[in-house]
Amino acid sequence: MDDSLLQKIIKYQFNNPDLLRAAYTRGTKGSQLEIKRLALIGDAVLTLDIAERGYKVGASSGVGHISRLLFGEF
């Protein structure tokens, strides 16, 4: 995928596009620890995005809306 298109979709401009590329490609250059760290950061970013979107529409969606977005129906 083109980096500029992905940045447009996620509405975020990376200062270092190599970090973006490393986050969405399966790397063989990095150590397992580096790959795990990137995965952890990616998960946190996705969770933050989902929570932010849920917060923006949550007032009209009732109690537990953000939790359902993050963790599914419970």
PDB file of N, CA and C in Angstrom:
ATOM      1  N   MET A   1       0.845  -1.175   0.000  1.00  0.00           N
ATOM      2  CA  MET A   1       0.000   0.000   0.000  1.00  0.00           C
ATOM      3  C   MET A   1       0.889   1.237   0.000  1.00  0.00           C
ATOM      4  N   ASP A   2       0.443   2.264  -0.656  1.00  0.00           N
ATOM      5  CA  ASP A   2       1.165   3.526  -0.723  1.00  0.00           C
ATOM      6  C   ASP A   2       1.105   4.228   0.640  1.00  0.00           C
ATOM      7  N   ASP A   3       2.248   4.637   1.155  1.00  0.00           N
ATOM      8  CA  ASP A   3       2.310   5.274   2.474  1.00  0.00           C
ATOM      9  C   ASP A   3       1.455   6.531   2.552  1.00  0.00           C
ATOM     10  N   SER A   4       1.481   7.346   1.508  1.00  0.00           N
ATOM     11  CA  SER A   4       0.720   8.594   1.555  1.00  0.00           C
ATOM     12  C   SER A   4      -0.783   8.317   1.587  1.00  0.00           C
ATOM     13  N   LEU A   5      -1.229   7.284   0.899  1.00  0.00           N
ATOM     14  CA  LEU A   5      -2.647   6.915   0.927  1.00  0.00           C
ATOM     15  C   LEU A   5      -3.038   6.439   2.320  1.00  0.00           C
ATOM     16  N   LEU A   6      -2.214   5.599   2.913  1.00  0.00           N
ATOM     17  CA  LEU A   6      -2.507   5.103   4.258  1.00  0.00           C
ATOM     18  C   LEU A   6      -2.536   6.256   5.259  1.00  0.00           C
ATOM     19  N   GLN A   7      -1.614   7.178   5.153  1.00  0.00           N
ATOM     20  CA  GLN A   7      -1.589   8.321   6.061  1.00  0.00           C
ATOM     21  C   GLN A   7      -2.829   9.187   5.883  1.00  0.00           C
ATOM     22  N   LYS A   8      -3.311   9.294   4.668  1.00  0.00           N
ATOM     23  CA  LYS A   8      -4.532  10.049   4.402  1.00  0.00           C
ATOM     24  C   LYS A   8      -5.734   9.339   5.028  1.00  0.00           C
ATOM     25  N   ILE A   9      -5.776   8.016   4.916  1.00  0.00           N
ATOM     26  CA  ILE A   9      -6.883   7.233   5.465  1.00  0.00           C
ATOM     27  C   ILE A   9      -6.929   7.353   6.988  1.00  0.00           C
ATOM     28  N   ILE A  10      -5.777   7.232   7.638  1.00  0.00           N
ATOM     29  CA  ILE A  10      -5.752   7.284   9.103  1.00  0.00           C
ATOM     30  C   ILE A  10      -5.660   8.713   9.637  1.00  0.00           C
ATOM     31  N   LYS A  11      -5.556   9.670   8.725  1.00  0.00           N
ATOM     32  CA  LYS A  11      -5.522  11.094   9.074  1.00  0.00           C
ATOM     33  C   LYS A  11      -4.385  11.415  10.046  1.00  0.00           C
ATOM     34  N   TYR A  12      -3.221  10.875   9.724  1.00  0.00           N
ATOM     35  CA  TYR A  12      -2.030  11.145  10.520  1.00  0.00           C
ATOM     36  C   TYR A  12      -0.824  11.142   9.604  1.00  0.00           C
ATOM     37  N   GLN A  13       0.016  12.146   9.741  1.00  0.00           N
ATOM     38  CA  GLN A  13       1.224  12.267   8.933  1.00  0.00           C
ATOM     39  C   GLN A  13       2.428  11.869   9.772  1.00  0.00           C
ATOM     40  N   PHE A  14       3.107  10.796   9.388  1.00  0.00           N
ATOM     41  CA  PHE A  14       4.278  10.327  10.117  1.00  0.00           C
ATOM     42  C   PHE A  14       5.499  11.157   9.763  1.00  0.00           C
ATOM     43  N   ASN A  15       6.273  11.530  10.771  1.00  0.00           N
ATOM     44  CA  ASN A  15       7.544  12.213  10.530  1.00  0.00           C
ATOM     45  C   ASN A  15       8.551  11.261   9.918  1.00  0.00           C
ATOM     46  N   ASN A  16       8.449   9.990  10.293  1.00  0.00           N
ATOM     47  CA  ASN A  16       9.362   8.964   9.790  1.00  0.00           C
ATOM     48  C   ASN A  16       8.533   7.857   9.128  1.00  0.00           C
ATOM     49  N   PRO A  17       8.311   7.933   7.811  1.00  0.00           N
ATOM     50  CA  PRO A  17       7.494   6.929   7.120  1.00  0.00           C
ATOM     51  C   PRO A  17       8.028   5.503   7.252  1.00  0.00           C
ATOM     52  N   ASP A  18       9.313   5.359   7.576  1.00  0.00           N
ATOM     53  CA  ASP A  18       9.859   4.015   7.767  1.00  0.00           C
ATOM     54  C   ASP A  18       9.193   3.304   8.938  1.00  0.00           C
ATOM     55  N   LEU A  19       8.820   4.051   9.979  1.00  0.00           N
ATOM     56  CA  LEU A  19       8.119   3.451  11.114  1.00  0.00           C
ATOM     57  C   LEU A  19       6.739   2.954  10.697  1.00  0.00           C
ATOM     58  N   LEU A  20       6.067   3.720   9.873  1.00  0.00           N
ATOM     59  CA  LEU A  20       4.757   3.296   9.361  1.00  0.00           C
ATOM     60  C   LEU A  20       4.901   2.020   8.548  1.00  0.00           C
ATOM     61  N   ARG A  21       5.854   2.016   7.654  1.00  0.00           N
ATOM     62  CA  ARG A  21       6.085   0.842   6.801  1.00  0.00           C
ATOM     63  C   ARG A  21       6.424  -0.390   7.647  1.00  0.00           C
ATOM     64  N   ALA A  22       7.227  -0.188   8.658  1.00  0.00           N
ATOM     65  CA  ALA A  22       7.603  -1.300   9.531  1.00  0.00           C
ATOM     66  C   ALA A  22       6.396  -1.830  10.299  1.00  0.00           C
ATOM     67  N   ALA A  23       5.439  -0.948  10.602  1.00  0.00           N
ATOM     68  CA  ALA A  23       4.265  -1.360  11.368  1.00  0.00           C
ATOM     69  C   ALA A  23       3.313  -2.224  10.553  1.00  0.00           C
ATOM     70  N   TYR A  24       3.248  -2.025   9.244  1.00  0.00           N
ATOM     71  CA  TYR A  24       2.281  -2.806   8.468  1.00  0.00           C
ATOM     72  C   TYR A  24       2.914  -3.845   7.548  1.00  0.00           C
ATOM     73  N   THR A  25       4.200  -4.001   7.620  1.00  0.00           N
ATOM     74  CA  THR A  25       4.837  -5.066   6.839  1.00  0.00           C
ATOM     75  C   THR A  25       5.449  -6.077   7.785  1.00  0.00           C
ATOM     76  N   ARG A  26       5.547  -7.261   7.319  1.00  0.00           N
ATOM     77  CA  ARG A  26       6.146  -8.310   8.138  1.00  0.00           C
ATOM     78  C   ARG A  26       7.651  -8.238   7.945  1.00  0.00           C
ATOM     79  N   GLY A  27       8.315  -7.782   8.966  1.00  0.00           N
ATOM     80  CA  GLY A  27       9.751  -7.565   8.854  1.00  0.00           C
ATOM     81  C   GLY A  27      10.565  -8.790   9.208  1.00  0.00           C
ATOM     82  N   THR A  28      11.682  -8.894   8.560  1.00  0.00           N
ATOM     83  CA  THR A  28      12.626  -9.954   8.910  1.00  0.00           C
ATOM     84  C   THR A  28      13.914  -9.346   9.446  1.00  0.00           C
ATOM     85  N   LYS A  29      14.030  -8.024   9.341  1.00  0.00           N
ATOM     86  CA  LYS A  29      15.261  -7.361   9.771  1.00  0.00           C
ATOM     87  C   LYS A  29      15.312  -7.158  11.282  1.00  0.00           C
ATOM     88  N   GLY A  30      14.174  -6.867  11.897  1.00  0.00           N
ATOM     89  CA  GLY A  30      14.154  -6.552  13.312  1.00  0.00           C
ATOM     90  C   GLY A  30      14.194  -7.782  14.186  1.00  0.00           C
ATOM     91  N   SER A  31      14.599  -7.564  15.411  1.00  0.00           N
ATOM     92  CA  SER A  31      14.595  -8.654  16.379  1.00  0.00           C
ATOM     93  C   SER A  31      13.160  -8.931  16.797  1.00  0.00           C
ATOM     94  N   GLN A  32      12.936 -10.060  17.416  1.00  0.00           N
ATOM     95  CA  GLN A  32      11.596 -10.405  17.890  1.00  0.00           C
ATOM     96  C   GLN A  32      11.099  -9.365  18.887  1.00  0.00           C
ATOM     97  N   LEU A  33      11.987  -8.851  19.723  1.00  0.00           N
ATOM     98  CA  LEU A  33      11.605  -7.834  20.696  1.00  0.00           C
ATOM     99  C   LEU A  33      11.127  -6.563  19.996  1.00  0.00           C
ATOM    100  N   GLU A  34      11.840  -6.127  18.959  1.00  0.00           N
ATOM    101  CA  GLU A  34      11.431  -4.942  18.205  1.00  0.00           C
ATOM    102  C   GLU A  34      10.077  -5.149  17.552  1.00  0.00           C
ATOM    103  N   ILE A  35       9.859  -6.327  16.997  1.00  0.00           N
ATOM    104  CA  ILE A  35       8.587  -6.630  16.351  1.00  0.00           C
ATOM    105  C   ILE A  35       7.460  -6.632  17.372  1.00  0.00           C
ATOM    106  N   LYS A  36       7.693  -7.198  18.537  1.00  0.00           N
ATOM    107  CA  LYS A  36       6.681  -7.208  19.593  1.00  0.00           C
ATOM    108  C   LYS A  36       6.377  -5.798  20.070  1.00  0.00           C
ATOM    109  N   ARG A  37       7.395  -4.963  20.174  1.00  0.00           N
ATOM    110  CA  ARG A  37       7.180  -3.575  20.587  1.00  0.00           C
ATOM    111  C   ARG A  37       6.318  -2.832  19.567  1.00  0.00           C
ATOM    112  N   LEU A  38       6.612  -3.010  18.291  1.00  0.00           N
ATOM    113  CA  LEU A  38       5.801  -2.371  17.253  1.00  0.00           C
ATOM    114  C   LEU A  38       4.364  -2.871  17.296  1.00  0.00           C
ATOM    115  N   ALA A  39       4.180  -4.164  17.524  1.00  0.00           N
ATOM    116  CA  ALA A  39       2.830  -4.722  17.610  1.00  0.00           C
ATOM    117  C   ALA A  39       2.083  -4.122  18.794  1.00  0.00           C
ATOM    118  N   LEU A  40       2.763  -3.974  19.918  1.00  0.00           N
ATOM    119  CA  LEU A  40       2.146  -3.393  21.101  1.00  0.00           C
ATOM    120  C   LEU A  40       1.732  -1.951  20.845  1.00  0.00           C
ATOM    121  N   ILE A  41       2.601  -1.191  20.202  1.00  0.00           N
ATOM    122  CA  ILE A  41       2.279   0.201  19.877  1.00  0.00           C
ATOM    123  C   ILE A  41       1.109   0.253  18.902  1.00  0.00           C
ATOM    124  N   GLY A  42       1.119  -0.614  17.903  1.00  0.00           N
ATOM    125  CA  GLY A  42       0.016  -0.652  16.940  1.00  0.00           C
ATOM    126  C   GLY A  42      -1.309  -0.967  17.601  1.00  0.00           C
ATOM    127  N   ASP A  43      -1.316  -1.932  18.513  1.00  0.00           N
ATOM    128  CA  ASP A  43      -2.532  -2.274  19.245  1.00  0.00           C
ATOM    129  C   ASP A  43      -3.023  -1.090  20.066  1.00  0.00           C
ATOM    130  N   ALA A  44      -2.092  -0.394  20.713  1.00  0.00           N
ATOM    131  CA  ALA A  44      -2.467   0.751  21.534  1.00  0.00           C
ATOM    132  C   ALA A  44      -3.051   1.873  20.681  1.00  0.00           C
ATOM    133  N   VAL A  45      -2.474   2.110  19.516  1.00  0.00           N
ATOM    134  CA  VAL A  45      -2.978   3.156  18.622  1.00  0.00           C
ATOM    135  C   VAL A  45      -4.384   2.811  18.144  1.00  0.00           C
ATOM    136  N   LEU A  46      -4.604   1.556  17.768  1.00  0.00           N
ATOM    137  CA  LEU A  46      -5.936   1.143  17.335  1.00  0.00           C
ATOM    138  C   LEU A  46      -6.951   1.270  18.469  1.00  0.00           C
ATOM    139  N   THR A  47      -6.560   0.872  19.670  1.00  0.00           N
ATOM    140  CA  THR A  47      -7.452   0.981  20.821  1.00  0.00           C
ATOM    141  C   THR A  47      -7.796   2.437  21.094  1.00  0.00           C
ATOM    142  N   LEU A  48      -6.804   3.309  21.032  1.00  0.00           N
ATOM    143  CA  LEU A  48      -7.033   4.735  21.243  1.00  0.00           C
ATOM    144  C   LEU A  48      -7.982   5.299  20.189  1.00  0.00           C
ATOM    145  N   ASP A  49      -7.793   4.917  18.944  1.00  0.00           N
ATOM    146  CA  ASP A  49      -8.655   5.398  17.866  1.00  0.00           C
ATOM    147  C   ASP A  49     -10.095   4.934  18.070  1.00  0.00           C
ATOM    148  N   ILE A  50     -10.274   3.677  18.406  1.00  0.00           N
ATOM    149  CA  ILE A  50     -11.621   3.153  18.636  1.00  0.00           C
ATOM    150  C   ILE A  50     -12.268   3.862  19.820  1.00  0.00           C
ATOM    151  N   ALA A  51     -11.513   4.057  20.892  1.00  0.00           N
ATOM    152  CA  ALA A  51     -12.046   4.739  22.068  1.00  0.00           C
ATOM    153  C   ALA A  51     -12.425   6.181  21.753  1.00  0.00           C
ATOM    154  N   GLU A  52     -11.584   6.863  20.985  1.00  0.00           N
ATOM    155  CA  GLU A  52     -11.875   8.249  20.623  1.00  0.00           C
ATOM    156  C   GLU A  52     -13.137   8.336  19.777  1.00  0.00           C
ATOM    157  N   ARG A  53     -13.258   7.457  18.796  1.00  0.00           N
ATOM    158  CA  ARG A  53     -14.466   7.454  17.962  1.00  0.00           C
ATOM    159  C   ARG A  53     -15.701   7.121  18.793  1.00  0.00           C
ATOM    160  N   GLY A  54     -15.547   6.171  19.706  1.00  0.00           N
ATOM    161  CA  GLY A  54     -16.664   5.812  20.570  1.00  0.00           C
ATOM    162  C   GLY A  54     -17.058   6.944  21.492  1.00  0.00           C
ATOM    163  N   TYR A  55     -16.083   7.676  21.982  1.00  0.00           N
ATOM    164  CA  TYR A  55     -16.357   8.802  22.870  1.00  0.00           C
ATOM    165  C   TYR A  55     -17.146   9.876  22.131  1.00  0.00           C
ATOM    166  N   LYS A  56     -16.801  10.111  20.871  1.00  0.00           N
ATOM    167  CA  LYS A  56     -17.460  11.161  20.098  1.00  0.00           C
ATOM    168  C   LYS A  56     -18.933  10.852  19.857  1.00  0.00           C
ATOM    169  N   VAL A  57     -19.277   9.584  19.703  1.00  0.00           N
ATOM    170  CA  VAL A  57     -20.676   9.225  19.442  1.00  0.00           C
ATOM    171  C   VAL A  57     -21.338   8.583  20.657  1.00  0.00           C
ATOM    172  N   GLY A  58     -20.580   8.405  21.732  1.00  0.00           N
ATOM    173  CA  GLY A  58     -21.050   7.668  22.900  1.00  0.00           C
ATOM    174  C   GLY A  58     -22.219   8.284  23.640  1.00  0.00           C
ATOM    175  N   ALA A  59     -22.332   9.592  23.633  1.00  0.00           N
ATOM    176  CA  ALA A  59     -23.388  10.242  24.397  1.00  0.00           C
ATOM    177  C   ALA A  59     -24.770   9.783  23.949  1.00  0.00           C
ATOM    178  N   SER A  60     -24.914   9.507  22.681  1.00  0.00           N
ATOM    179  CA  SER A  60     -26.220   9.087  22.167  1.00  0.00           C
ATOM    180  C   SER A  60     -26.346   7.572  22.082  1.00  0.00           C
ATOM    181  N   SER A  61     -25.295   6.849  22.460  1.00  0.00           N
ATOM    182  CA  SER A  61     -25.302   5.395  22.281  1.00  0.00           C
ATOM    183  C   SER A  61     -25.528   4.611  23.570  1.00  0.00           C
ATOM    184  N   GLY A  62     -25.607   5.269  24.694  1.00  0.00           N
ATOM    185  CA  GLY A  62     -25.901   4.585  25.942  1.00  0.00           C
ATOM    186  C   GLY A  62     -24.665   4.092  26.670  1.00  0.00           C
ATOM    187  N   VAL A  63     -24.913   3.553  27.828  1.00  0.00           N
ATOM    188  CA  VAL A  63     -23.856   3.070  28.712  1.00  0.00           C
ATOM    189  C   VAL A  63     -23.151   1.867  28.090  1.00  0.00           C
ATOM    190  N   GLY A  64     -21.839   1.825  28.204  1.00  0.00           N
ATOM    191  CA  GLY A  64     -21.067   0.673  27.732  1.00  0.00           C
ATOM    192  C   GLY A  64     -20.720   0.691  26.263  1.00  0.00           C
ATOM    193  N   HIS A  65     -21.033   1.765  25.567  1.00  0.00           N
ATOM    194  CA  HIS A  65     -20.799   1.819  24.117  1.00  0.00           C
ATOM    195  C   HIS A  65     -19.317   1.643  23.777  1.00  0.00           C
ATOM    196  N   ILE A  66     -18.451   2.357  24.470  1.00  0.00           N
ATOM    197  CA  ILE A  66     -17.019   2.272  24.175  1.00  0.00           C
ATOM    198  C   ILE A  66     -16.493   0.874  24.496  1.00  0.00           C
ATOM    199  N   SER A  67     -16.930   0.311  25.600  1.00  0.00           N
ATOM    200  CA  SER A  67     -16.490  -1.046  25.951  1.00  0.00           C
ATOM    201  C   SER A  67     -16.903  -2.055  24.892  1.00  0.00           C
ATOM    202  N   ARG A  68     -18.118  -1.914  24.379  1.00  0.00           N
ATOM    203  CA  ARG A  68     -18.564  -2.831  23.315  1.00  0.00           C
ATOM    204  C   ARG A  68     -17.727  -2.667  22.059  1.00  0.00           C
ATOM    205  N   LEU A  69     -17.350  -1.430  21.728  1.00  0.00           N
ATOM    206  CA  LEU A  69     -16.495  -1.203  20.566  1.00  0.00           C
ATOM    207  C   LEU A  69     -15.130  -1.858  20.759  1.00  0.00           C
ATOM    208  N   LEU A  70     -14.575  -1.713  21.955  1.00  0.00           N
ATOM    209  CA  LEU A  70     -13.237  -2.225  22.225  1.00  0.00           C
ATOM    210  C   LEU A  70     -13.204  -3.735  22.394  1.00  0.00           C
ATOM    211  N   PHE A  71     -14.204  -4.270  23.085  1.00  0.00           N
ATOM    212  CA  PHE A  71     -14.122  -5.680  23.485  1.00  0.00           C
ATOM    213  C   PHE A  71     -15.224  -6.551  22.898  1.00  0.00           C
ATOM    214  N   GLY A  72     -16.108  -5.973  22.099  1.00  0.00           N
ATOM    215  CA  GLY A  72     -17.206  -6.743  21.538  1.00  0.00           C
ATOM    216  C   GLY A  72     -18.360  -6.844  22.520  1.00  0.00           C
ATOM    217  N   GLU A  73     -19.398  -7.511  22.107  1.00  0.00           N
ATOM    218  CA  GLU A  73     -20.571  -7.686  22.980  1.00  0.00           C
ATOM    219  C   GLU A  73     -20.198  -8.500  24.197  1.00  0.00           C
ATOM    220  N   PHE A  74     -20.713  -8.124  25.340  1.00  0.00           N
ATOM    221  CA  PHE A  74     -20.457  -8.883  26.568  1.00  0.00           C
ATOM    222  C   PHE A  74     -21.723  -8.999  27.357  1.00  0.00           C
TER     223      PHE A  74
END
